[in-house]
Amino acid sequence: MNANLARSGKHSASRVWEWTALISGIAAVLCFGLFALIGSTLDAQGVLHEPFFLVPCGWALLFVCLTSAVASFAAKCSRSRS
């Protein structure tokens, strides 16, 4: 009984990492896509207006996505070995 509970806990941890990777990956793509879609404008005074905050947010989310994917893979590998 305890072995089944331990295995189900590892399984749920793997699922959390998978969902985190998926959601942060989609959010990263949205950040980069919105940055490209919104574009930049130049006003009459020559000031550039662009949604630059989307670029670092996109890179941070991409890092979270890749880290979560590696953690999910590691959790699956450790589960299969035990």
PDB file of N, CA and C in Angstrom:
ATOM      1  N   MET A   1       0.820  -1.193   0.000  1.00  0.00           N
ATOM      2  CA  MET A   1       0.000   0.000   0.000  1.00  0.00           C
ATOM      3  C   MET A   1       0.867   1.261   0.000  1.00  0.00           C
ATOM      4  N   ASN A   2       1.901   1.304   0.852  1.00  0.00           N
ATOM      5  CA  ASN A   2       2.771   2.472   0.908  1.00  0.00           C
ATOM      6  C   ASN A   2       3.540   2.659  -0.396  1.00  0.00           C
ATOM      7  N   ALA A   3       3.907   1.579  -1.054  1.00  0.00           N
ATOM      8  CA  ALA A   3       4.617   1.692  -2.329  1.00  0.00           C
ATOM      9  C   ALA A   3       3.726   2.321  -3.388  1.00  0.00           C
ATOM     10  N   ASN A   4       2.451   1.976  -3.376  1.00  0.00           N
ATOM     11  CA  ASN A   4       1.518   2.580  -4.337  1.00  0.00           C
ATOM     12  C   ASN A   4       1.367   4.072  -4.093  1.00  0.00           C
ATOM     13  N   LEU A   5       1.302   4.477  -2.832  1.00  0.00           N
ATOM     14  CA  LEU A   5       1.193   5.897  -2.526  1.00  0.00           C
ATOM     15  C   LEU A   5       2.447   6.651  -2.947  1.00  0.00           C
ATOM     16  N   ALA A   6       3.597   6.051  -2.732  1.00  0.00           N
ATOM     17  CA  ALA A   6       4.852   6.698  -3.126  1.00  0.00           C
ATOM     18  C   ALA A   6       4.918   6.861  -4.638  1.00  0.00           C
ATOM     19  N   ARG A   7       4.491   5.840  -5.363  1.00  0.00           N
ATOM     20  CA  ARG A   7       4.506   5.939  -6.826  1.00  0.00           C
ATOM     21  C   ARG A   7       3.517   6.980  -7.326  1.00  0.00           C
ATOM     22  N   SER A   8       2.338   7.063  -6.714  1.00  0.00           N
ATOM     23  CA  SER A   8       1.356   8.039  -7.168  1.00  0.00           C
ATOM     24  C   SER A   8       1.826   9.454  -6.871  1.00  0.00           C
ATOM     25  N   GLY A   9       2.589   9.649  -5.790  1.00  0.00           N
ATOM     26  CA  GLY A   9       3.141  10.962  -5.495  1.00  0.00           C
ATOM     27  C   GLY A   9       4.151  11.399  -6.532  1.00  0.00           C
ATOM     28  N   LYS A  10       4.997  10.490  -6.974  1.00  0.00           N
ATOM     29  CA  LYS A  10       5.968  10.815  -8.020  1.00  0.00           C
ATOM     30  C   LYS A  10       5.259  11.098  -9.333  1.00  0.00           C
ATOM     31  N   HIS A  11       4.190  10.362  -9.578  1.00  0.00           N
ATOM     32  CA  HIS A  11       3.434  10.573 -10.811  1.00  0.00           C
ATOM     33  C   HIS A  11       2.807  11.966 -10.818  1.00  0.00           C
ATOM     34  N   SER A  12       2.247  12.389  -9.706  1.00  0.00           N
ATOM     35  CA  SER A  12       1.628  13.705  -9.665  1.00  0.00           C
ATOM     36  C   SER A  12       2.674  14.816  -9.747  1.00  0.00           C
ATOM     37  N   ALA A  13       3.861  14.584  -9.189  1.00  0.00           N
ATOM     38  CA  ALA A  13       4.920  15.584  -9.298  1.00  0.00           C
ATOM     39  C   ALA A  13       5.340  15.753 -10.753  1.00  0.00           C
ATOM     40  N   SER A  14       5.402  14.651 -11.481  1.00  0.00           N
ATOM     41  CA  SER A  14       5.740  14.722 -12.898  1.00  0.00           C
ATOM     42  C   SER A  14       4.680  15.502 -13.669  1.00  0.00           C
ATOM     43  N   ARG A  15       3.414  15.277 -13.319  1.00  0.00           N
ATOM     44  CA  ARG A  15       2.319  15.991 -13.993  1.00  0.00           C
ATOM     45  C   ARG A  15       2.380  17.494 -13.744  1.00  0.00           C
ATOM     46  N   VAL A  16       2.739  17.880 -12.523  1.00  0.00           N
ATOM     47  CA  VAL A  16       2.846  19.299 -12.208  1.00  0.00           C
ATOM     48  C   VAL A  16       3.916  19.941 -13.071  1.00  0.00           C
ATOM     49  N   TRP A  17       5.062  19.275 -13.215  1.00  0.00           N
ATOM     50  CA  TRP A  17       6.134  19.821 -14.062  1.00  0.00           C
ATOM     51  C   TRP A  17       5.699  19.887 -15.522  1.00  0.00           C
ATOM     52  N   GLU A  18       4.939  18.885 -15.984  1.00  0.00           N
ATOM     53  CA  GLU A  18       4.463  18.902 -17.366  1.00  0.00           C
ATOM     54  C   GLU A  18       3.527  20.070 -17.619  1.00  0.00           C
ATOM     55  N   TRP A  19       2.588  20.286 -16.702  1.00  0.00           N
ATOM     56  CA  TRP A  19       1.643  21.393 -16.867  1.00  0.00           C
ATOM     57  C   TRP A  19       2.353  22.743 -16.761  1.00  0.00           C
ATOM     58  N   THR A  20       3.312  22.841 -15.866  1.00  0.00           N
ATOM     59  CA  THR A  20       4.071  24.084 -15.740  1.00  0.00           C
ATOM     60  C   THR A  20       4.829  24.378 -17.031  1.00  0.00           C
ATOM     61  N   ALA A  21       5.449  23.363 -17.610  1.00  0.00           N
ATOM     62  CA  ALA A  21       6.173  23.541 -18.869  1.00  0.00           C
ATOM     63  C   ALA A  21       5.225  23.946 -19.992  1.00  0.00           C
ATOM     64  N   LEU A  22       4.081  23.295 -20.065  1.00  0.00           N
ATOM     65  CA  LEU A  22       3.122  23.598 -21.132  1.00  0.00           C
ATOM     66  C   LEU A  22       2.587  25.022 -21.022  1.00  0.00           C
ATOM     67  N   ILE A  23       2.140  25.394 -19.845  1.00  0.00           N
ATOM     68  CA  ILE A  23       1.540  26.719 -19.674  1.00  0.00           C
ATOM     69  C   ILE A  23       2.571  27.825 -19.861  1.00  0.00           C
ATOM     70  N   SER A  24       3.771  27.656 -19.304  1.00  0.00           N
ATOM     71  CA  SER A  24       4.789  28.698 -19.472  1.00  0.00           C
ATOM     72  C   SER A  24       5.283  28.756 -20.924  1.00  0.00           C
ATOM     73  N   GLY A  25       5.302  27.624 -21.611  1.00  0.00           N
ATOM     74  CA  GLY A  25       5.677  27.635 -23.030  1.00  0.00           C
ATOM     75  C   GLY A  25       4.668  28.388 -23.881  1.00  0.00           C
ATOM     76  N   ILE A  26       3.393  28.160 -23.620  1.00  0.00           N
ATOM     77  CA  ILE A  26       2.346  28.877 -24.351  1.00  0.00           C
ATOM     78  C   ILE A  26       2.418  30.369 -24.043  1.00  0.00           C
ATOM     79  N   ALA A  27       2.635  30.715 -22.769  1.00  0.00           N
ATOM     80  CA  ALA A  27       2.742  32.129 -22.396  1.00  0.00           C
ATOM     81  C   ALA A  27       3.958  32.786 -23.047  1.00  0.00           C
ATOM     82  N   ALA A  28       5.063  32.065 -23.163  1.00  0.00           N
ATOM     83  CA  ALA A  28       6.256  32.618 -23.814  1.00  0.00           C
ATOM     84  C   ALA A  28       5.990  32.900 -25.286  1.00  0.00           C
ATOM     85  N   VAL A  29       5.342  31.955 -25.953  1.00  0.00           N
ATOM     86  CA  VAL A  29       5.008  32.154 -27.370  1.00  0.00           C
ATOM     87  C   VAL A  29       4.071  33.349 -27.520  1.00  0.00           C
ATOM     88  N   LEU A  30       3.120  33.483 -26.604  1.00  0.00           N
ATOM     89  CA  LEU A  30       2.207  34.629 -26.653  1.00  0.00           C
ATOM     90  C   LEU A  30       2.960  35.946 -26.453  1.00  0.00           C
ATOM     91  N   CYS A  31       3.913  35.980 -25.534  1.00  0.00           N
ATOM     92  CA  CYS A  31       4.684  37.208 -25.310  1.00  0.00           C
ATOM     93  C   CYS A  31       5.455  37.610 -26.562  1.00  0.00           C
ATOM     94  N   PHE A  32       6.148  36.651 -27.169  1.00  0.00           N
ATOM     95  CA  PHE A  32       6.905  36.971 -28.384  1.00  0.00           C
ATOM     96  C   PHE A  32       5.969  37.323 -29.540  1.00  0.00           C
ATOM     97  N   GLY A  33       4.860  36.618 -29.643  1.00  0.00           N
ATOM     98  CA  GLY A  33       3.896  36.909 -30.704  1.00  0.00           C
ATOM     99  C   GLY A  33       3.256  38.275 -30.550  1.00  0.00           C
ATOM    100  N   LEU A  34       2.878  38.626 -29.323  1.00  0.00           N
ATOM    101  CA  LEU A  34       2.287  39.946 -29.091  1.00  0.00           C
ATOM    102  C   LEU A  34       3.284  41.060 -29.348  1.00  0.00           C
ATOM    103  N   PHE A  35       4.550  40.835 -28.985  1.00  0.00           N
ATOM    104  CA  PHE A  35       5.569  41.849 -29.260  1.00  0.00           C
ATOM    105  C   PHE A  35       5.675  42.095 -30.764  1.00  0.00           C
ATOM    106  N   ALA A  36       5.649  41.026 -31.545  1.00  0.00           N
ATOM    107  CA  ALA A  36       5.737  41.170 -32.999  1.00  0.00           C
ATOM    108  C   ALA A  36       4.453  41.768 -33.573  1.00  0.00           C
ATOM    109  N   LEU A  37       3.323  41.381 -32.995  1.00  0.00           N
ATOM    110  CA  LEU A  37       2.035  41.844 -33.515  1.00  0.00           C
ATOM    111  C   LEU A  37       1.782  43.319 -33.206  1.00  0.00           C
ATOM    112  N   ILE A  38       2.090  43.730 -31.982  1.00  0.00           N
ATOM    113  CA  ILE A  38       1.840  45.114 -31.589  1.00  0.00           C
ATOM    114  C   ILE A  38       2.781  46.056 -32.332  1.00  0.00           C
ATOM    115  N   GLY A  39       4.023  45.682 -32.415  1.00  0.00           N
ATOM    116  CA  GLY A  39       4.993  46.497 -33.152  1.00  0.00           C
ATOM    117  C   GLY A  39       5.403  47.748 -32.400  1.00  0.00           C
ATOM    118  N   SER A  40       6.113  48.599 -33.096  1.00  0.00           N
ATOM    119  CA  SER A  40       6.632  49.837 -32.521  1.00  0.00           C
ATOM    120  C   SER A  40       6.072  51.021 -33.279  1.00  0.00           C
ATOM    121  N   THR A  41       5.912  52.114 -32.562  1.00  0.00           N
ATOM    122  CA  THR A  41       5.446  53.350 -33.201  1.00  0.00           C
ATOM    123  C   THR A  41       6.370  54.488 -32.796  1.00  0.00           C
ATOM    124  N   LEU A  42       6.432  55.479 -33.636  1.00  0.00           N
ATOM    125  CA  LEU A  42       7.243  56.662 -33.395  1.00  0.00           C
ATOM    126  C   LEU A  42       6.291  57.850 -33.345  1.00  0.00           C
ATOM    127  N   ASP A  43       6.275  58.587 -32.234  1.00  0.00           N
ATOM    128  CA  ASP A  43       5.347  59.724 -32.145  1.00  0.00           C
ATOM    129  C   ASP A  43       5.960  60.975 -32.781  1.00  0.00           C
ATOM    130  N   ALA A  44       5.232  62.068 -32.716  1.00  0.00           N
ATOM    131  CA  ALA A  44       5.649  63.309 -33.386  1.00  0.00           C
ATOM    132  C   ALA A  44       6.945  63.878 -32.808  1.00  0.00           C
ATOM    133  N   GLN A  45       7.208  63.626 -31.544  1.00  0.00           N
ATOM    134  CA  GLN A  45       8.425  64.144 -30.917  1.00  0.00           C
ATOM    135  C   GLN A  45       9.628  63.226 -31.144  1.00  0.00           C
ATOM    136  N   GLY A  46       9.442  62.117 -31.819  1.00  0.00           N
ATOM    137  CA  GLY A  46      10.521  61.202 -32.116  1.00  0.00           C
ATOM    138  C   GLY A  46      10.772  60.163 -31.032  1.00  0.00           C
ATOM    139  N   VAL A  47       9.781  59.967 -30.153  1.00  0.00           N
ATOM    140  CA  VAL A  47       9.930  58.992 -29.075  1.00  0.00           C
ATOM    141  C   VAL A  47       9.388  57.649 -29.557  1.00  0.00           C
ATOM    142  N   LEU A  48      10.184  56.622 -29.355  1.00  0.00           N
ATOM    143  CA  LEU A  48       9.802  55.277 -29.763  1.00  0.00           C
ATOM    144  C   LEU A  48       8.933  54.646 -28.685  1.00  0.00           C
ATOM    145  N   HIS A  49       7.788  54.112 -29.080  1.00  0.00           N
ATOM    146  CA  HIS A  49       6.873  53.422 -28.162  1.00  0.00           C
ATOM    147  C   HIS A  49       6.777  51.962 -28.612  1.00  0.00           C
ATOM    148  N   GLU A  50       7.172  51.068 -27.710  1.00  0.00           N
ATOM    149  CA  GLU A  50       7.097  49.643 -28.006  1.00  0.00           C
ATOM    150  C   GLU A  50       6.872  48.864 -26.714  1.00  0.00           C
ATOM    151  N   PRO A  51       6.228  47.720 -26.809  1.00  0.00           N
ATOM    152  CA  PRO A  51       5.979  46.909 -25.606  1.00  0.00           C
ATOM    153  C   PRO A  51       7.195  46.046 -25.266  1.00  0.00           C
ATOM    154  N   PHE A  52       8.308  46.711 -24.908  1.00  0.00           N
ATOM    155  CA  PHE A  52       9.562  45.990 -24.709  1.00  0.00           C
ATOM    156  C   PHE A  52       9.500  45.029 -23.523  1.00  0.00           C
ATOM    157  N   PHE A  53       8.611  45.273 -22.552  1.00  0.00           N
ATOM    158  CA  PHE A  53       8.525  44.396 -21.390  1.00  0.00           C
ATOM    159  C   PHE A  53       8.157  42.970 -21.772  1.00  0.00           C
ATOM    160  N   LEU A  54       7.568  42.780 -22.945  1.00  0.00           N
ATOM    161  CA  LEU A  54       7.180  41.440 -23.377  1.00  0.00           C
ATOM    162  C   LEU A  54       8.390  40.571 -23.722  1.00  0.00           C
ATOM    163  N   VAL A  55       9.489  41.178 -24.132  1.00  0.00           N
ATOM    164  CA  VAL A  55      10.673  40.405 -24.514  1.00  0.00           C
ATOM    165  C   VAL A  55      11.318  39.723 -23.302  1.00  0.00           C
ATOM    166  N   PRO A  56      11.651  40.443 -22.221  1.00  0.00           N
ATOM    167  CA  PRO A  56      12.222  39.729 -21.074  1.00  0.00           C
ATOM    168  C   PRO A  56      11.233  38.769 -20.422  1.00  0.00           C
ATOM    169  N   CYS A  57       9.951  39.123 -20.432  1.00  0.00           N
ATOM    170  CA  CYS A  57       8.941  38.195 -19.899  1.00  0.00           C
ATOM    171  C   CYS A  57       8.919  36.913 -20.726  1.00  0.00           C
ATOM    172  N   GLY A  58       8.997  37.040 -22.029  1.00  0.00           N
ATOM    173  CA  GLY A  58       9.009  35.870 -22.902  1.00  0.00           C
ATOM    174  C   GLY A  58      10.220  34.986 -22.668  1.00  0.00           C
ATOM    175  N   TRP A  59      11.400  35.609 -22.508  1.00  0.00           N
ATOM    176  CA  TRP A  59      12.608  34.825 -22.260  1.00  0.00           C
ATOM    177  C   TRP A  59      12.557  34.141 -20.895  1.00  0.00           C
ATOM    178  N   ALA A  60      12.037  34.839 -19.882  1.00  0.00           N
ATOM    179  CA  ALA A  60      11.918  34.242 -18.546  1.00  0.00           C
ATOM    180  C   ALA A  60      10.950  33.059 -18.577  1.00  0.00           C
ATOM    181  N   LEU A  61       9.836  33.217 -19.272  1.00  0.00           N
ATOM    182  CA  LEU A  61       8.869  32.118 -19.377  1.00  0.00           C
ATOM    183  C   LEU A  61       9.442  30.950 -20.173  1.00  0.00           C
ATOM    184  N   LEU A  62      10.230  31.239 -21.184  1.00  0.00           N
ATOM    185  CA  LEU A  62      10.873  30.177 -21.948  1.00  0.00           C
ATOM    186  C   LEU A  62      11.868  29.411 -21.074  1.00  0.00           C
ATOM    187  N   PHE A  63      12.590  30.117 -20.227  1.00  0.00           N
ATOM    188  CA  PHE A  63      13.512  29.469 -19.289  1.00  0.00           C
ATOM    189  C   PHE A  63      12.751  28.571 -18.312  1.00  0.00           C
ATOM    190  N   VAL A  64      11.622  29.067 -17.796  1.00  0.00           N
ATOM    191  CA  VAL A  64      10.794  28.259 -16.891  1.00  0.00           C
ATOM    192  C   VAL A  64      10.267  27.030 -17.614  1.00  0.00           C
ATOM    193  N   CYS A  65       9.875  27.198 -18.861  1.00  0.00           N
ATOM    194  CA  CYS A  65       9.365  26.078 -19.665  1.00  0.00           C
ATOM    195  C   CYS A  65      10.430  25.003 -19.835  1.00  0.00           C
ATOM    196  N   LEU A  66      11.620  25.394 -20.216  1.00  0.00           N
ATOM    197  CA  LEU A  66      12.691  24.418 -20.428  1.00  0.00           C
ATOM    198  C   LEU A  66      13.119  23.753 -19.128  1.00  0.00           C
ATOM    199  N   THR A  67      13.197  24.528 -18.051  1.00  0.00           N
ATOM    200  CA  THR A  67      13.562  23.964 -16.756  1.00  0.00           C
ATOM    201  C   THR A  67      12.505  22.967 -16.280  1.00  0.00           C
ATOM    202  N   SER A  68      11.241  23.309 -16.461  1.00  0.00           N
ATOM    203  CA  SER A  68      10.156  22.412 -16.060  1.00  0.00           C
ATOM    204  C   SER A  68      10.138  21.148 -16.910  1.00  0.00           C
ATOM    205  N   ALA A  69      10.445  21.276 -18.178  1.00  0.00           N
ATOM    206  CA  ALA A  69      10.490  20.102 -19.049  1.00  0.00           C
ATOM    207  C   ALA A  69      11.606  19.155 -18.618  1.00  0.00           C
ATOM    208  N   VAL A  70      12.756  19.704 -18.260  1.00  0.00           N
ATOM    209  CA  VAL A  70      13.860  18.870 -17.775  1.00  0.00           C
ATOM    210  C   VAL A  70      13.482  18.212 -16.452  1.00  0.00           C
ATOM    211  N   ALA A  71      12.839  18.947 -15.563  1.00  0.00           N
ATOM    212  CA  ALA A  71      12.417  18.377 -14.272  1.00  0.00           C
ATOM    213  C   ALA A  71      11.376  17.282 -14.476  1.00  0.00           C
ATOM    214  N   SER A  72      10.476  17.471 -15.407  1.00  0.00           N
ATOM    215  CA  SER A  72       9.473  16.448 -15.701  1.00  0.00           C
ATOM    216  C   SER A  72      10.126  15.190 -16.248  1.00  0.00           C
ATOM    217  N   PHE A  73      11.087  15.365 -17.148  1.00  0.00           N
ATOM    218  CA  PHE A  73      11.805  14.228 -17.708  1.00  0.00           C
ATOM    219  C   PHE A  73      12.577  13.488 -16.618  1.00  0.00           C
ATOM    220  N   ALA A  74      13.211  14.249 -15.716  1.00  0.00           N
ATOM    221  CA  ALA A  74      13.959  13.631 -14.620  1.00  0.00           C
ATOM    222  C   ALA A  74      13.032  12.878 -13.675  1.00  0.00           C
ATOM    223  N   ALA A  75      11.845  13.430 -13.423  1.00  0.00           N
ATOM    224  CA  ALA A  75      10.889  12.744 -12.548  1.00  0.00           C
ATOM    225  C   ALA A  75      10.391  11.456 -13.179  1.00  0.00           C
ATOM    226  N   LYS A  76      10.176  11.483 -14.503  1.00  0.00           N
ATOM    227  CA  LYS A  76       9.739  10.272 -15.185  1.00  0.00           C
ATOM    228  C   LYS A  76      10.837   9.203 -15.195  1.00  0.00           C
ATOM    229  N   CYS A  77      12.068   9.638 -15.403  1.00  0.00           N
ATOM    230  CA  CYS A  77      13.185   8.682 -15.408  1.00  0.00           C
ATOM    231  C   CYS A  77      13.386   8.063 -14.035  1.00  0.00           C
ATOM    232  N   SER A  78      13.295   8.876 -12.995  1.00  0.00           N
ATOM    233  CA  SER A  78      13.482   8.336 -11.648  1.00  0.00           C
ATOM    234  C   SER A  78      12.332   7.410 -11.263  1.00  0.00           C
ATOM    235  N   ARG A  79      11.139   7.698 -11.763  1.00  0.00           N
ATOM    236  CA  ARG A  79       9.991   6.848 -11.478  1.00  0.00           C
ATOM    237  C   ARG A  79      10.125   5.499 -12.174  1.00  0.00           C
ATOM    238  N   SER A  80      10.644   5.493 -13.398  1.00  0.00           N
ATOM    239  CA  SER A  80      10.762   4.252 -14.146  1.00  0.00           C
ATOM    240  C   SER A  80      11.866   3.359 -13.574  1.00  0.00           C
ATOM    241  N   ARG A  81      12.870   3.957 -12.946  1.00  0.00           N
ATOM    242  CA  ARG A  81      13.967   3.155 -12.371  1.00  0.00           C
ATOM    243  C   ARG A  81      13.603   2.542 -11.025  1.00  0.00           C
ATOM    244  N   SER A  82      12.655   3.155 -10.309  1.00  0.00           N
ATOM    245  CA  SER A  82      12.329   2.608  -8.989  1.00  0.00           C
ATOM    246  C   SER A  82      11.153   1.669  -9.015  1.00  0.00           C
TER     247      SER A  82
END
